[in-house]
Structure formats: C-alpha cells, structure tokens
C-alpha cells in the first residue's frame, strides 16, 4: 500500500550521520587523552599500549645533540628523573620555547611539560618511525659525560615529530568523518525536499490522490510491483527508497542507469535509477529496485508501455 512518507530515506541517512559523528567523537576523546596523557616517560620501562608520554623538562642543552637526515634534530633535555633525547623538526616552536626559557633562567624553576611519542629505537612499534642508530650515536657523543649517560637511556627517546604526525593523521580522520556526516545530512535534507516536491506535484495534478495516495497504484494504467514503478495518467512514478514523480509530457528521453559497487573483483551491490531528461534538458533521477541481472529484462515491459502510449519519448541510452 502506498502511503505518504516524506521522511523516507532521510531518517536512515541521519542515523548513518550520527554513527559517523559518534565514531569521530570517540576518536577525538582518545586523541584528547593522548595529548593530556598521564603516562610519564620512564627510561627503565616501555610506555605500554599508549605510546604518548610526557616529561617535565627543566633544562635543555643549547645545541642539538644529533642532526637527523629527515630534517629533525635530537635535543638533550633534563627531566624529573634524568636525561632524555627529544626529537623535533628544525625550528620547532616547543624547542624554541624551551631554549628561550633556559636562556632567561626560568626553565629550572618552572619546568615545561612536553608530550611526545615514546620510541624504543631497538624495538620500535609497528609503523613507528625511529632513528636506527640512536643508541650508538648517543653513547659515542656522551662518552665523556658519564654523569649524563648513567641517568639516560641510550635506546629510548621522546619524539615530538612522531606525536605530531600521529595527531595530524587522527585529526584528518576525525574531520573526514565529520565531513561524511555533514554530507549525509545534506543528502537527507535534499532527498526529503525532493520527496515533498514530488508529493506536491501529484496532489496539484490529481487532487483525488491527496486523501488516498494508494489510488496511484489502484488505478494505475501501468504498475510493476517488483521494480516499484507505476504510471498514473500522465505521470511516471517510482516509490522505491523515496517517492518520485514526473510528468511524461515533459520527458523527451528516458533510460536506465546502473551503478555497480565492487568488493575486489566481485560486484557487491547494484543500484538502478531511471533517468528522465526533460524538454529543457534537465535530468530527473528516479530510483527503482534492482533485482540483479534480470532488471533490464523486467524493465522492458515498462518501456513497451511507454513506447505505445508516449511515443515522443526516446527510450534507452
């Protein structure tokens, strides 16, 4: 039975949008926790599942300890339990802040909290960048500074570079999900407006349908209940995933378009649409049910009816 459903299809899109927003919110919360991590850097142990660690930096050496080929530097800094290497891009603002505070003599009294990724150069985590010869470089450069090397790990360091890279990737995914949510909301609103416009056109043309929409099927001159297509007087109607109607007197061309989505080499889903071209060359899309490879064959009876009753319409591509 055909009933007015102005929100048909819109609610499903809004639910999908809500799911994307929830996922984005969860990812945002996870990232917030990483930025505000409670895991302090410990040179004697791994950081665990969360690679984000912090250190309260109270001193930074005035010159970079290591120049890395990827345009980053490793700075030697003192923190609450000893010394640690701090990797950052050249010109990093946080490093500049540390150097400025140290120059003013403020850093020891007011340590700066630095958050970065814990990197073990001997056994890095999957997809984590690292300095492969970090241990040998540190031991060689600090060989004459036993007071430093004895309270410093030569295998692990804190990487601001890795942390910012991970943070940027997270932000990209979050913004992408938010963008998808907005996209589906907009599509839902547009779909609802088109549904309403189709109902209003039918009611304006056939007042008898306003109180009994099902009359469009009951008294249709042509009806395909499988593909969800009907012809009522001068209007072609589709009622699959929404409600669409068009005055056939305005149509000059009508064809069937199939959108096929693949999973690997196998077609996982097919969507069928009747595309009506009006005499002003504007296209109007009407979704119909796809029943697989036999959809075209099943649709032929619709085209035969239109050929006989509306011969001005060019049918097919």
Protein backbone atom coordinates (compact mmCIF):
# COMPACT_ATOMS: atom_id res chain seq x y z
CA UNK A 1 0.00 0.00 0.00
CA UNK A 2 1.31 3.42 -0.96
CA UNK A 3 1.39 5.95 1.88
CA UNK A 4 2.92 9.37 2.15
CA UNK A 5 6.36 9.08 3.73
CA UNK A 6 8.03 12.45 3.46
CA UNK A 7 10.98 11.31 5.59
CA UNK A 8 11.56 8.07 3.70
CA UNK A 9 15.29 7.55 3.32
CA UNK A 10 16.11 10.68 5.33
CA UNK A 11 16.00 9.00 8.75
CA UNK A 12 18.40 6.25 7.61
CA UNK A 13 20.87 8.87 6.37
CA UNK A 14 20.58 10.78 9.65
CA UNK A 15 21.30 7.58 11.59
CA UNK A 16 24.38 6.95 9.44
CA UNK A 17 25.48 10.55 10.07
CA UNK A 18 25.01 10.07 13.80
CA UNK A 19 27.14 6.90 13.73
CA UNK A 20 29.95 8.75 11.95
CA UNK A 21 29.70 11.60 14.47
CA UNK A 22 29.87 9.16 17.40
CA UNK A 23 32.97 7.50 15.93
CA UNK A 24 34.53 10.94 15.37
CA UNK A 25 33.71 11.91 18.97
CA UNK A 26 35.30 8.70 20.32
CA UNK A 27 38.42 9.32 18.22
CA UNK A 28 38.51 12.92 19.45
CA UNK A 29 38.26 11.74 23.07
CA UNK A 30 41.07 9.23 22.52
CA UNK A 31 43.24 11.97 20.99
CA UNK A 32 42.39 14.32 23.87
CA UNK A 33 43.58 11.67 26.32
CA UNK A 34 46.82 11.25 24.37
CA UNK A 35 47.50 14.98 24.34
CA UNK A 36 46.78 15.08 28.07
CA UNK A 37 48.49 11.79 28.84
CA UNK A 38 49.15 10.83 32.45
CA UNK A 39 51.96 8.45 31.48
CA UNK A 40 55.33 9.93 32.42
CA UNK A 41 58.42 8.98 30.42
CA UNK A 42 60.39 6.25 32.20
CA UNK A 43 63.80 5.36 30.83
CA UNK A 44 63.69 1.97 32.55
CA UNK A 45 60.43 0.65 31.11
CA UNK A 46 58.24 0.63 28.00
CA UNK A 47 55.28 3.01 27.80
CA UNK A 48 52.76 0.21 27.30
CA UNK A 49 49.95 0.28 24.76
CA UNK A 50 49.81 4.09 24.79
CA UNK A 51 52.91 5.49 23.10
CA UNK A 52 52.16 9.04 24.30
CA UNK A 53 54.29 10.12 27.27
CA UNK A 54 55.18 13.37 28.93
CA UNK A 55 58.27 14.81 30.58
CA UNK A 56 58.65 17.87 32.79
CA UNK A 57 61.67 19.49 31.11
CA UNK A 58 63.82 21.55 33.48
CA UNK A 59 66.91 22.03 31.30
CA UNK A 60 67.84 21.89 27.61
CA UNK A 61 71.34 21.90 26.18
CA UNK A 62 71.90 24.95 23.95
CA UNK A 63 72.87 22.92 20.87
CA UNK A 64 71.15 19.94 19.20
CA UNK A 65 72.76 16.62 20.12
CA UNK A 66 72.01 14.82 16.81
CA UNK A 67 71.16 16.08 13.33
CA UNK A 68 68.88 13.51 11.66
CA UNK A 69 68.61 13.13 7.85
CA UNK A 70 64.81 13.59 7.89
CA UNK A 71 65.19 17.29 8.80
CA UNK A 72 64.74 16.64 12.52
CA UNK A 73 67.04 17.12 15.47
CA UNK A 74 67.52 15.41 18.81
CA UNK A 75 67.96 17.71 21.78
CA UNK A 76 69.29 16.58 25.14
CA UNK A 77 66.99 17.69 27.95
CA UNK A 78 66.82 17.13 31.69
CA UNK A 79 63.52 15.93 33.13
CA UNK A 80 62.28 14.82 36.53
CA UNK A 81 64.29 11.55 36.60
CA UNK A 82 67.37 12.21 34.49
CA UNK A 83 68.07 13.00 30.87
CA UNK A 84 66.31 12.06 27.64
CA UNK A 85 66.64 12.78 23.94
CA UNK A 86 63.86 14.93 22.50
CA UNK A 87 63.30 14.63 18.73
CA UNK A 88 61.67 17.54 16.90
CA UNK A 89 61.63 19.20 13.50
CA UNK A 90 64.09 22.00 12.86
CA UNK A 91 62.57 25.25 14.04
CA UNK A 92 60.04 23.50 16.31
CA UNK A 93 58.14 26.04 18.42
CA UNK A 94 58.27 23.95 21.60
CA UNK A 95 62.04 23.61 21.35
CA UNK A 96 62.31 27.35 20.74
CA UNK A 97 60.21 27.94 23.85
CA UNK A 98 62.47 25.70 25.95
CA UNK A 99 65.60 27.44 24.66
CA UNK A 100 64.11 30.86 25.39
CA UNK A 101 63.13 29.94 28.94
CA UNK A 102 66.52 28.37 29.57
CA UNK A 103 68.25 31.49 28.28
CA UNK A 104 66.20 33.59 30.73
CA UNK A 105 66.96 31.18 33.59
CA UNK A 106 63.27 30.31 34.06
CA UNK A 107 63.20 26.66 33.00
CA UNK A 108 64.64 25.08 36.17
CA UNK A 109 62.15 26.90 38.39
CA UNK A 110 59.23 26.39 36.02
CA UNK A 111 59.65 23.12 34.08
CA UNK A 112 57.70 22.82 30.83
CA UNK A 113 55.51 19.80 30.18
CA UNK A 114 56.39 18.23 26.84
CA UNK A 115 54.24 15.47 25.30
CA UNK A 116 55.57 13.16 22.62
CA UNK A 117 55.67 9.57 21.42
CA UNK A 118 57.77 7.05 23.31
CA UNK A 119 60.22 5.49 20.85
CA UNK A 120 62.39 2.48 21.57
CA UNK A 121 64.97 2.51 18.79
CA UNK A 122 65.84 -1.14 19.47
CA UNK A 123 62.28 -2.42 19.10
CA UNK A 124 60.02 0.28 17.58
CA UNK A 125 56.28 -0.21 17.38
CA UNK A 126 54.59 -1.07 14.09
CA UNK A 127 54.51 1.83 11.60
CA UNK A 128 56.53 3.99 14.01
CA UNK A 129 59.44 5.98 12.63
CA UNK A 130 62.69 5.78 14.58
CA UNK A 131 66.40 6.65 14.48
CA UNK A 132 68.01 3.30 13.70
CA UNK A 133 71.48 4.05 15.10
CA UNK A 134 70.29 6.15 18.01
CA UNK A 135 71.96 4.07 20.73
CA UNK A 136 75.44 4.09 19.22
CA UNK A 137 75.20 7.82 18.42
CA UNK A 138 74.21 8.73 21.98
CA UNK A 139 76.87 6.54 23.59
CA UNK A 140 79.54 7.97 21.29
CA UNK A 141 78.55 11.62 21.75
CA UNK A 142 78.17 11.35 25.53
CA UNK A 143 81.13 9.09 26.21
CA UNK A 144 82.88 11.93 28.05
CA UNK A 145 79.78 12.76 30.11
CA UNK A 146 79.22 9.79 32.46
CA UNK A 147 77.09 11.95 34.77
CA UNK A 148 74.58 12.21 31.91
CA UNK A 149 74.77 8.78 30.29
CA UNK A 150 74.29 6.97 33.62
CA UNK A 151 70.86 8.59 34.09
CA UNK A 152 69.78 8.34 30.47
CA UNK A 153 68.51 5.54 28.25
CA UNK A 154 70.54 5.09 25.07
CA UNK A 155 67.74 3.09 23.44
CA UNK A 156 64.61 5.20 24.03
CA UNK A 157 63.70 8.83 23.45
CA UNK A 158 60.68 11.12 23.14
CA UNK A 159 59.61 12.15 19.64
CA UNK A 160 57.55 15.29 19.20
CA UNK A 161 57.75 14.62 15.45
CA UNK A 162 56.06 11.21 15.67
CA UNK A 163 53.44 12.50 18.08
CA UNK A 164 52.50 15.43 15.84
CA UNK A 165 52.39 13.13 12.82
CA UNK A 166 50.01 10.77 14.63
CA UNK A 167 47.97 13.73 15.86
CA UNK A 168 47.68 15.11 12.32
CA UNK A 169 46.53 11.73 10.98
CA UNK A 170 43.93 11.47 13.77
CA UNK A 171 42.65 14.97 13.04
CA UNK A 172 42.38 14.12 9.35
CA UNK A 173 40.25 11.04 10.10
CA UNK A 174 38.08 12.99 12.55
CA UNK A 175 37.48 15.81 10.06
CA UNK A 176 36.83 13.23 7.33
CA UNK A 177 34.15 11.54 9.46
CA UNK A 178 32.58 14.90 10.33
CA UNK A 179 32.60 15.78 6.63
CA UNK A 180 30.86 12.49 5.81
CA UNK A 181 28.25 13.22 8.49
CA UNK A 182 27.55 16.66 7.03
CA UNK A 183 27.41 15.15 3.53
CA UNK A 184 24.79 12.55 4.54
CA UNK A 185 22.75 15.15 6.42
CA UNK A 186 22.72 17.40 3.33
CA UNK A 187 21.80 14.44 1.09
CA UNK A 188 18.99 13.54 3.50
CA UNK A 189 17.62 17.08 3.52
CA UNK A 190 17.80 17.32 -0.27
CA UNK A 191 16.10 13.91 -0.60
CA UNK A 192 13.30 14.99 1.74
CA UNK A 193 12.76 18.19 -0.26
CA UNK A 194 12.56 16.17 -3.47
CA UNK A 195 10.08 13.75 -1.88
CA UNK A 196 7.89 16.65 -0.76
CA UNK A 197 8.11 18.29 -4.19
CA UNK A 198 7.01 15.03 -5.84
CA UNK A 199 4.03 14.66 -3.49
CA UNK A 200 3.02 18.27 -4.05
CA UNK A 201 3.21 17.86 -7.83
CA UNK A 202 0.97 14.77 -7.69
CA UNK A 203 -1.55 16.48 -5.37
CA UNK A 204 -1.65 19.56 -7.63
CA UNK A 205 -2.20 17.43 -10.74
CA UNK A 206 -4.53 14.85 -9.17
CA UNK A 207 -6.43 16.18 -6.12
CA UNK A 208 -8.06 12.77 -5.67
CA UNK A 209 -4.67 11.39 -4.54
CA UNK A 210 -4.41 13.74 -1.56
CA UNK A 211 -6.79 11.71 0.60
CA UNK A 212 -5.88 8.34 -0.90
CA UNK A 213 -2.35 8.14 -2.27
CA UNK A 214 -2.76 4.45 -2.97
CA UNK A 215 -5.13 5.36 -5.82
CA UNK A 216 -1.96 5.91 -7.85
CA UNK A 217 -1.43 2.15 -7.74
CA UNK A 218 -5.05 1.01 -7.61
CA UNK A 219 -5.99 2.90 -10.77
CA UNK A 220 -2.58 2.95 -12.45
CA UNK A 221 -2.58 2.36 -16.18
CA UNK A 222 0.68 0.51 -15.66
CA UNK A 223 2.17 -0.92 -12.47
CA UNK A 224 5.28 -3.00 -11.77
CA UNK A 225 5.18 -4.01 -8.12
CA UNK A 226 8.61 -5.66 -8.31
CA UNK A 227 10.59 -2.66 -9.60
CA UNK A 228 8.25 -0.22 -7.76
CA UNK A 229 7.15 1.69 -10.86
CA UNK A 230 3.71 2.99 -11.83
CA UNK A 231 2.15 5.17 -14.49
CA UNK A 232 -0.90 7.14 -13.37
CA UNK A 233 -2.49 9.13 -16.18
CA UNK A 234 0.37 11.38 -17.41
CA UNK A 235 2.84 10.78 -14.58
CA UNK A 236 5.59 8.22 -14.19
CA UNK A 237 6.01 7.32 -10.53
CA UNK A 238 8.69 5.41 -8.62
CA UNK A 239 8.28 4.61 -4.94
CA UNK A 240 11.47 2.74 -4.10
CA UNK A 241 13.63 4.48 -1.45
CA UNK A 242 11.53 7.59 -1.63
CA UNK A 243 8.81 8.98 -3.83
CA UNK A 244 9.47 10.42 -7.27
CA UNK A 245 7.04 11.59 -9.94
CA UNK A 246 7.43 13.28 -13.29
CA UNK A 247 5.03 14.48 -15.97
CA UNK A 248 5.68 12.28 -19.01
CA UNK A 249 4.52 15.04 -21.35
CA UNK A 250 7.68 16.96 -20.35
CA UNK A 251 10.03 14.00 -20.85
CA UNK A 252 11.96 13.63 -24.11
CA UNK A 253 14.38 10.87 -23.12
CA UNK A 254 14.27 8.07 -20.54
CA UNK A 255 16.95 5.50 -19.82
CA UNK A 256 18.07 3.01 -17.18
CA UNK A 257 21.32 3.66 -15.30
CA UNK A 258 23.01 1.03 -13.12
CA UNK A 259 25.65 1.91 -10.54
CA UNK A 260 27.69 -1.16 -9.62
CA UNK A 261 29.86 -1.26 -6.50
CA UNK A 262 32.61 -3.87 -6.36
CA UNK A 263 34.30 -5.66 -3.50
CA UNK A 264 37.51 -6.84 -5.05
CA UNK A 265 36.59 -8.39 -8.38
CA UNK A 266 33.03 -9.25 -7.32
CA UNK A 267 30.03 -6.95 -7.73
CA UNK A 268 28.73 -6.47 -4.19
CA UNK A 269 25.82 -4.10 -4.86
CA UNK A 270 23.86 -2.67 -7.80
CA UNK A 271 21.64 0.40 -7.71
CA UNK A 272 19.18 1.12 -10.51
CA UNK A 273 17.88 4.53 -11.50
CA UNK A 274 15.54 5.71 -14.24
CA UNK A 275 16.95 8.93 -15.63
CA UNK A 276 14.35 11.19 -17.23
CA UNK A 277 15.53 14.05 -19.42
CA UNK A 278 13.02 16.89 -19.63
CA UNK A 279 12.48 19.05 -22.70
CA UNK A 280 14.65 21.72 -21.00
CA UNK A 281 17.44 19.09 -20.88
CA UNK A 282 17.37 18.87 -17.09
CA UNK A 283 17.71 15.35 -15.69
CA UNK A 284 15.44 13.84 -13.06
CA UNK A 285 16.52 10.65 -11.30
CA UNK A 286 14.04 8.05 -10.09
CA UNK A 287 15.41 5.11 -8.06
CA UNK A 288 13.90 1.70 -8.84
CA UNK A 289 14.55 -1.68 -7.31
CA UNK A 290 17.45 -3.63 -8.78
CA UNK A 291 16.74 -7.37 -8.91
CA UNK A 292 20.08 -8.37 -10.34
CA UNK A 293 20.97 -9.24 -13.91
CA UNK A 294 17.30 -9.58 -14.89
CA UNK A 295 16.46 -5.96 -14.03
CA UNK A 296 16.79 -4.79 -17.63
CA UNK A 297 14.57 -7.65 -18.84
CA UNK A 298 11.94 -6.87 -16.21
CA UNK A 299 12.07 -3.17 -17.10
CA UNK A 300 11.29 -3.88 -20.74
CA UNK A 301 7.55 -4.09 -20.05
CA UNK A 302 7.66 -0.53 -18.66
CA UNK A 303 9.47 0.68 -21.76
CA UNK A 304 7.00 -1.16 -24.00
CA UNK A 305 4.09 0.58 -22.30
CA UNK A 306 5.74 4.00 -22.63
CA UNK A 307 6.61 3.33 -26.27
CA UNK A 308 2.96 2.64 -27.05
CA UNK A 309 1.41 5.45 -25.02
CA UNK A 310 4.08 8.17 -25.07
CA UNK A 311 5.80 7.72 -28.42
CA UNK A 312 7.54 11.10 -28.23
CA UNK A 313 9.91 9.75 -25.54
CA UNK A 314 13.24 8.31 -26.71
CA UNK A 315 13.82 5.17 -24.66
CA UNK A 316 17.18 3.70 -23.73
CA UNK A 317 20.65 5.20 -23.92
